[in-house]
Amino acid sequence: MKIAIDIDEIVVEYLKSFLKFLNAEKKININYYEVLDYNNLCSGKGLNLEQVQEYIQEHTSGDSTLLNLELIKGSLDSINFLENNHEIFFVTSRHVSNEEKTRTFFKKHFPHKEFKIIFSGDAWGGNKSKSEICFEENCSILIEDNLSYAKDCARKGVKVLLLNKPWNQNFENYKNIVKVNDWNEILEKINEFEKQEAIYKNAN
């Protein structure tokens, strides 16, 4: 199967790093579990979207920030497993100016692999959305944490594994979206989807 994988909050802990930056450098104290809307990170803190994006750009401007982000537990081994058994690529709403740093990160952790990484325009504008990318790439599954992106992809017939986060707790049963708690569950669900797909093909 062809699988698309988000990067921030799926492969790495970007938000925790950004919140530490806001607290230390901008004196804006936001607890990780207070973030109930990833598209509006600083809700209730008096910051508009433009200011938040400015701070994100500042936070990621150094050479080391994106390179040294903490890995999500299980992501490294799971990605290696998926790469050996499926066709995978990464789709991210990071600003395209971070492309080189993002690729350097992947070279650091996957030195013998060359992954396809596509930068969407969901957060910054200018490019195709994740749902458009997933549809055009003809991928079967997206691994994502942002509920709005997940719904957009699900409407186009892409199955979404939505990793459980504070900002997607208002999730209700939605066609093509399955909530998962960790990378172990992600692999289990992909295995289930694969078996279902094989049964469907054999029946037709």
C-alpha atoms as a PDB file:
ATOM      1  CA  MET A   1       0.000   0.000   0.000  1.00  0.00           C
ATOM      2  CA  LYS A   2       0.998   3.615  -0.466  1.00  0.00           C
ATOM      3  CA  ILE A   3       1.144   5.453   2.856  1.00  0.00           C
ATOM      4  CA  ALA A   4       1.533   9.188   3.567  1.00  0.00           C
ATOM      5  CA  ILE A   5       3.027  10.207   6.917  1.00  0.00           C
ATOM      6  CA  ASP A   6       2.836  13.600   8.586  1.00  0.00           C
ATOM      7  CA  ILE A   7       6.058  14.759  10.315  1.00  0.00           C
ATOM      8  CA  ASP A   8       5.388  17.063  13.271  1.00  0.00           C
ATOM      9  CA  GLU A   9       3.610  15.310  16.170  1.00  0.00           C
ATOM     10  CA  ILE A  10       3.757  12.011  14.242  1.00  0.00           C
ATOM     11  CA  VAL A  11       7.483  11.489  13.721  1.00  0.00           C
ATOM     12  CA  VAL A  12       8.827  14.219  16.029  1.00  0.00           C
ATOM     13  CA  GLU A  13       7.693  16.301  19.006  1.00  0.00           C
ATOM     14  CA  TYR A  14       7.709  19.748  17.410  1.00  0.00           C
ATOM     15  CA  LEU A  15       5.019  21.375  19.556  1.00  0.00           C
ATOM     16  CA  LYS A  16       6.736  20.650  22.876  1.00  0.00           C
ATOM     17  CA  SER A  17       9.898  22.298  21.571  1.00  0.00           C
ATOM     18  CA  PHE A  18       7.971  25.324  20.312  1.00  0.00           C
ATOM     19  CA  LEU A  19       6.128  25.794  23.614  1.00  0.00           C
ATOM     20  CA  LYS A  20       9.442  25.745  25.503  1.00  0.00           C
ATOM     21  CA  PHE A  21      10.648  28.473  23.138  1.00  0.00           C
ATOM     22  CA  LEU A  22       7.521  30.574  23.755  1.00  0.00           C
ATOM     23  CA  ASN A  23       7.933  30.269  27.509  1.00  0.00           C
ATOM     24  CA  ALA A  24      11.670  30.983  27.595  1.00  0.00           C
ATOM     25  CA  GLU A  25      11.991  33.600  24.857  1.00  0.00           C
ATOM     26  CA  LYS A  26       8.565  35.259  24.678  1.00  0.00           C
ATOM     27  CA  LYS A  27       7.340  34.705  28.255  1.00  0.00           C
ATOM     28  CA  ILE A  28       4.133  33.181  26.901  1.00  0.00           C
ATOM     29  CA  ASN A  29       3.349  30.180  29.083  1.00  0.00           C
ATOM     30  CA  ILE A  30       1.238  27.557  27.343  1.00  0.00           C
ATOM     31  CA  ASN A  31       0.925  24.011  28.635  1.00  0.00           C
ATOM     32  CA  TYR A  32       1.010  21.212  26.035  1.00  0.00           C
ATOM     33  CA  TYR A  33      -2.350  19.897  27.252  1.00  0.00           C
ATOM     34  CA  GLU A  34      -3.913  23.348  26.896  1.00  0.00           C
ATOM     35  CA  VAL A  35      -3.518  23.189  23.117  1.00  0.00           C
ATOM     36  CA  LEU A  36      -6.983  22.091  22.055  1.00  0.00           C
ATOM     37  CA  ASP A  37      -6.743  23.430  18.510  1.00  0.00           C
ATOM     38  CA  TYR A  38      -3.509  22.923  16.577  1.00  0.00           C
ATOM     39  CA  ASN A  39      -4.604  25.501  14.006  1.00  0.00           C
ATOM     40  CA  ASN A  40      -4.925  28.051  16.806  1.00  0.00           C
ATOM     41  CA  LEU A  41      -2.007  27.197  19.079  1.00  0.00           C
ATOM     42  CA  CYS A  42      -2.167  30.316  21.222  1.00  0.00           C
ATOM     43  CA  SER A  43      -5.901  30.531  21.745  1.00  0.00           C
ATOM     44  CA  GLY A  44      -6.622  32.748  24.752  1.00  0.00           C
ATOM     45  CA  LYS A  45      -3.082  34.139  24.896  1.00  0.00           C
ATOM     46  CA  GLY A  46      -3.748  37.275  22.858  1.00  0.00           C
ATOM     47  CA  LEU A  47      -1.733  36.215  19.814  1.00  0.00           C
ATOM     48  CA  ASN A  48      -3.128  36.212  16.304  1.00  0.00           C
ATOM     49  CA  LEU A  49      -2.175  33.731  13.578  1.00  0.00           C
ATOM     50  CA  GLU A  50       0.328  36.104  11.998  1.00  0.00           C
ATOM     51  CA  GLN A  51       2.219  36.503  15.299  1.00  0.00           C
ATOM     52  CA  VAL A  52       2.263  32.758  15.922  1.00  0.00           C
ATOM     53  CA  GLN A  53       3.615  32.110  12.430  1.00  0.00           C
ATOM     54  CA  GLU A  54       6.276  34.764  13.000  1.00  0.00           C
ATOM     55  CA  TYR A  55       7.354  32.996  16.206  1.00  0.00           C
ATOM     56  CA  ILE A  56       7.394  29.625  14.449  1.00  0.00           C
ATOM     57  CA  GLN A  57       9.669  31.061  11.775  1.00  0.00           C
ATOM     58  CA  GLU A  58      11.936  32.496  14.456  1.00  0.00           C
ATOM     59  CA  HIS A  59      11.978  29.211  16.364  1.00  0.00           C
ATOM     60  CA  THR A  60      12.916  27.177  13.285  1.00  0.00           C
ATOM     61  CA  SER A  61      15.387  29.692  11.851  1.00  0.00           C
ATOM     62  CA  GLY A  62      18.434  28.190  13.587  1.00  0.00           C
ATOM     63  CA  ASP A  63      20.299  25.238  12.131  1.00  0.00           C
ATOM     64  CA  SER A  64      19.778  22.945  15.131  1.00  0.00           C
ATOM     65  CA  THR A  65      16.109  23.236  16.158  1.00  0.00           C
ATOM     66  CA  LEU A  66      14.519  20.976  13.561  1.00  0.00           C
ATOM     67  CA  LEU A  67      17.545  18.696  13.442  1.00  0.00           C
ATOM     68  CA  ASN A  68      17.419  17.874  17.158  1.00  0.00           C
ATOM     69  CA  LEU A  69      13.704  17.418  17.780  1.00  0.00           C
ATOM     70  CA  GLU A  70      12.743  14.499  20.012  1.00  0.00           C
ATOM     71  CA  LEU A  71      11.415  11.483  18.154  1.00  0.00           C
ATOM     72  CA  ILE A  72       7.922  10.211  18.905  1.00  0.00           C
ATOM     73  CA  LYS A  73       8.209   6.866  20.684  1.00  0.00           C
ATOM     74  CA  GLY A  74       8.206   4.026  18.176  1.00  0.00           C
ATOM     75  CA  SER A  75       8.334   6.227  15.081  1.00  0.00           C
ATOM     76  CA  LEU A  76      11.855   5.332  13.956  1.00  0.00           C
ATOM     77  CA  ASP A  77      11.461   1.545  14.011  1.00  0.00           C
ATOM     78  CA  SER A  78       7.932   1.740  12.627  1.00  0.00           C
ATOM     79  CA  ILE A  79       8.974   3.893   9.668  1.00  0.00           C
ATOM     80  CA  ASN A  80      11.795   1.479   8.876  1.00  0.00           C
ATOM     81  CA  PHE A  81       9.316  -1.403   8.985  1.00  0.00           C
ATOM     82  CA  LEU A  82       6.791   0.378   6.770  1.00  0.00           C
ATOM     83  CA  GLU A  83       9.456   1.414   4.270  1.00  0.00           C
ATOM     84  CA  ASN A  84      10.448  -2.226   3.834  1.00  0.00           C
ATOM     85  CA  ASN A  85       6.877  -3.407   3.332  1.00  0.00           C
ATOM     86  CA  HIS A  86       5.017  -0.509   1.691  1.00  0.00           C
ATOM     87  CA  GLU A  87       5.539   2.553  -0.444  1.00  0.00           C
ATOM     88  CA  ILE A  88       5.741   5.538   1.911  1.00  0.00           C
ATOM     89  CA  PHE A  89       6.270   9.265   1.622  1.00  0.00           C
ATOM     90  CA  PHE A  90       6.037  12.224   3.977  1.00  0.00           C
ATOM     91  CA  VAL A  91       3.672  15.167   3.688  1.00  0.00           C
ATOM     92  CA  THR A  92       4.097  18.182   5.958  1.00  0.00           C
ATOM     93  CA  SER A  93       2.581  21.623   6.421  1.00  0.00           C
ATOM     94  CA  ARG A  94       5.947  23.031   7.509  1.00  0.00           C
ATOM     95  CA  HIS A  95       7.028  26.198   5.698  1.00  0.00           C
ATOM     96  CA  VAL A  96       8.915  25.278   2.543  1.00  0.00           C
ATOM     97  CA  SER A  97      11.872  27.357   3.777  1.00  0.00           C
ATOM     98  CA  ASN A  98      12.538  24.462   6.172  1.00  0.00           C
ATOM     99  CA  GLU A  99      12.915  21.924   3.381  1.00  0.00           C
ATOM    100  CA  GLU A 100      16.699  21.575   3.591  1.00  0.00           C
ATOM    101  CA  LYS A 101      16.642  21.268   7.400  1.00  0.00           C
ATOM    102  CA  THR A 102      13.871  18.691   7.190  1.00  0.00           C
ATOM    103  CA  ARG A 103      15.809  16.607   4.686  1.00  0.00           C
ATOM    104  CA  THR A 104      18.934  16.871   6.843  1.00  0.00           C
ATOM    105  CA  PHE A 105      16.940  15.511   9.796  1.00  0.00           C
ATOM    106  CA  PHE A 106      15.836  12.488   7.778  1.00  0.00           C
ATOM    107  CA  LYS A 107      19.398  11.893   6.559  1.00  0.00           C
ATOM    108  CA  LYS A 108      20.534  11.926  10.196  1.00  0.00           C
ATOM    109  CA  HIS A 109      18.039   9.286  11.315  1.00  0.00           C
ATOM    110  CA  PHE A 110      17.699   7.318   8.059  1.00  0.00           C
ATOM    111  CA  PRO A 111      21.187   7.614   6.515  1.00  0.00           C
ATOM    112  CA  HIS A 112      20.649   4.871   3.944  1.00  0.00           C
ATOM    113  CA  LYS A 113      17.215   5.947   2.744  1.00  0.00           C
ATOM    114  CA  GLU A 114      16.006   8.715   0.457  1.00  0.00           C
ATOM    115  CA  PHE A 115      12.406   9.562   1.324  1.00  0.00           C
ATOM    116  CA  LYS A 116      10.023  11.598  -0.750  1.00  0.00           C
ATOM    117  CA  ILE A 117       8.933  14.663   1.251  1.00  0.00           C
ATOM    118  CA  ILE A 118       6.147  16.956   0.023  1.00  0.00           C
ATOM    119  CA  PHE A 119       5.417  20.365   1.550  1.00  0.00           C
ATOM    120  CA  SER A 120       1.728  21.253   1.560  1.00  0.00           C
ATOM    121  CA  GLY A 121       0.197  24.713   1.624  1.00  0.00           C
ATOM    122  CA  ASP A 122      -2.294  24.090   4.427  1.00  0.00           C
ATOM    123  CA  ALA A 123      -0.654  26.363   6.995  1.00  0.00           C
ATOM    124  CA  TRP A 124       1.319  28.853   4.907  1.00  0.00           C
ATOM    125  CA  GLY A 125      -0.485  28.964   1.562  1.00  0.00           C
ATOM    126  CA  GLY A 126       0.908  28.750  -1.936  1.00  0.00           C
ATOM    127  CA  ASN A 127       0.958  24.989  -2.445  1.00  0.00           C
ATOM    128  CA  LYS A 128      -1.529  22.156  -2.654  1.00  0.00           C
ATOM    129  CA  SER A 129      -3.312  20.965   0.469  1.00  0.00           C
ATOM    130  CA  LYS A 130      -2.538  17.628   2.100  1.00  0.00           C
ATOM    131  CA  SER A 131      -5.822  16.240   0.835  1.00  0.00           C
ATOM    132  CA  GLU A 132      -4.985  17.236  -2.745  1.00  0.00           C
ATOM    133  CA  ILE A 133      -1.512  15.754  -2.418  1.00  0.00           C
ATOM    134  CA  CYS A 134      -2.765  12.474  -0.954  1.00  0.00           C
ATOM    135  CA  PHE A 135      -5.434  12.172  -3.638  1.00  0.00           C
ATOM    136  CA  GLU A 136      -3.007  12.914  -6.478  1.00  0.00           C
ATOM    137  CA  GLU A 137      -0.403  10.547  -5.049  1.00  0.00           C
ATOM    138  CA  ASN A 138      -3.104   7.867  -4.898  1.00  0.00           C
ATOM    139  CA  CYS A 139      -2.160   6.918  -1.343  1.00  0.00           C
ATOM    140  CA  SER A 140      -4.329   4.516   0.639  1.00  0.00           C
ATOM    141  CA  ILE A 141      -3.540   5.758   4.145  1.00  0.00           C
ATOM    142  CA  LEU A 142      -2.533   9.016   5.817  1.00  0.00           C
ATOM    143  CA  ILE A 143      -1.029   9.037   9.323  1.00  0.00           C
ATOM    144  CA  GLU A 144      -1.969  12.426  10.805  1.00  0.00           C
ATOM    145  CA  ASP A 145      -2.734  14.309  14.039  1.00  0.00           C
ATOM    146  CA  ASN A 146      -4.574  17.389  12.731  1.00  0.00           C
ATOM    147  CA  LEU A 147      -8.308  16.663  12.627  1.00  0.00           C
ATOM    148  CA  SER A 148      -9.125  19.238   9.946  1.00  0.00           C
ATOM    149  CA  TYR A 149      -6.498  17.790   7.587  1.00  0.00           C
ATOM    150  CA  ALA A 150      -7.731  14.308   8.440  1.00  0.00           C
ATOM    151  CA  LYS A 151     -11.329  15.182   7.544  1.00  0.00           C
ATOM    152  CA  ASP A 152     -10.269  16.763   4.249  1.00  0.00           C
ATOM    153  CA  CYS A 153      -8.391  13.606   3.278  1.00  0.00           C
ATOM    154  CA  ALA A 154     -11.150  11.300   4.476  1.00  0.00           C
ATOM    155  CA  ARG A 155     -13.655  13.107   2.235  1.00  0.00           C
ATOM    156  CA  LYS A 156     -11.458  12.210  -0.729  1.00  0.00           C
ATOM    157  CA  GLY A 157     -11.560   8.524   0.208  1.00  0.00           C
ATOM    158  CA  VAL A 158      -8.178   8.315   1.951  1.00  0.00           C
ATOM    159  CA  LYS A 159      -8.160   6.236   5.131  1.00  0.00           C
ATOM    160  CA  VAL A 160      -6.693   8.279   7.994  1.00  0.00           C
ATOM    161  CA  LEU A 161      -5.040   6.996  11.157  1.00  0.00           C
ATOM    162  CA  LEU A 162      -5.477   9.895  13.571  1.00  0.00           C
ATOM    163  CA  LEU A 163      -2.906   9.800  16.363  1.00  0.00           C
ATOM    164  CA  ASN A 164      -4.490  10.687  19.703  1.00  0.00           C
ATOM    165  CA  LYS A 165      -3.495  14.230  20.794  1.00  0.00           C
ATOM    166  CA  PRO A 166      -5.007  16.909  23.083  1.00  0.00           C
ATOM    167  CA  TRP A 167      -6.113  18.926  20.037  1.00  0.00           C
ATOM    168  CA  ASN A 168      -8.165  16.175  18.408  1.00  0.00           C
ATOM    169  CA  GLN A 169     -10.228  15.081  21.420  1.00  0.00           C
ATOM    170  CA  ASN A 170     -13.462  16.405  19.894  1.00  0.00           C
ATOM    171  CA  PHE A 171     -13.264  13.626  17.352  1.00  0.00           C
ATOM    172  CA  GLU A 172     -16.544  11.955  16.499  1.00  0.00           C
ATOM    173  CA  ASN A 173     -17.013   8.859  14.390  1.00  0.00           C
ATOM    174  CA  TYR A 174     -16.153   9.945  10.881  1.00  0.00           C
ATOM    175  CA  LYS A 175     -16.008   7.789   7.772  1.00  0.00           C
ATOM    176  CA  ASN A 176     -12.435   6.775   6.845  1.00  0.00           C
ATOM    177  CA  ILE A 177     -10.894   8.080  10.113  1.00  0.00           C
ATOM    178  CA  VAL A 178      -9.636   5.703  12.813  1.00  0.00           C
ATOM    179  CA  LYS A 179      -8.237   6.993  16.119  1.00  0.00           C
ATOM    180  CA  VAL A 180      -4.993   5.369  17.329  1.00  0.00           C
ATOM    181  CA  ASN A 181      -2.957   5.859  20.495  1.00  0.00           C
ATOM    182  CA  ASP A 182       0.605   5.046  19.428  1.00  0.00           C
ATOM    183  CA  TRP A 183       2.782   3.616  16.684  1.00  0.00           C
ATOM    184  CA  ASN A 184       2.034   0.040  17.757  1.00  0.00           C
ATOM    185  CA  GLU A 185      -1.649   0.638  17.037  1.00  0.00           C
ATOM    186  CA  ILE A 186      -0.766   2.356  13.766  1.00  0.00           C
ATOM    187  CA  LEU A 187       1.051  -0.770  12.560  1.00  0.00           C
ATOM    188  CA  GLU A 188      -1.803  -2.994  13.754  1.00  0.00           C
ATOM    189  CA  LYS A 189      -4.382  -0.954  11.837  1.00  0.00           C
ATOM    190  CA  ILE A 190      -2.280  -0.904   8.677  1.00  0.00           C
ATOM    191  CA  ASN A 191      -2.028  -4.680   8.895  1.00  0.00           C
ATOM    192  CA  GLU A 192      -5.816  -4.881   9.239  1.00  0.00           C
ATOM    193  CA  PHE A 193      -6.330  -2.594   6.241  1.00  0.00           C
ATOM    194  CA  GLU A 194      -3.923  -4.714   4.216  1.00  0.00           C
ATOM    195  CA  LYS A 195      -5.850  -7.891   5.019  1.00  0.00           C
ATOM    196  CA  GLN A 196      -9.168  -6.218   4.159  1.00  0.00           C
ATOM    197  CA  GLU A 197      -7.743  -5.011   0.866  1.00  0.00           C
ATOM    198  CA  ALA A 198      -6.510  -8.520   0.013  1.00  0.00           C
ATOM    199  CA  ILE A 199      -9.936 -10.020   0.783  1.00  0.00           C
ATOM    200  CA  TYR A 200     -11.632  -7.394  -1.400  1.00  0.00           C
ATOM    201  CA  LYS A 201      -9.261  -8.048  -4.318  1.00  0.00           C
ATOM    202  CA  ASN A 202      -9.735 -11.809  -4.073  1.00  0.00           C
ATOM    203  CA  ALA A 203     -13.511 -11.401  -4.000  1.00  0.00           C
ATOM    204  CA  ASN A 204     -13.408  -9.353  -7.204  1.00  0.00           C
END
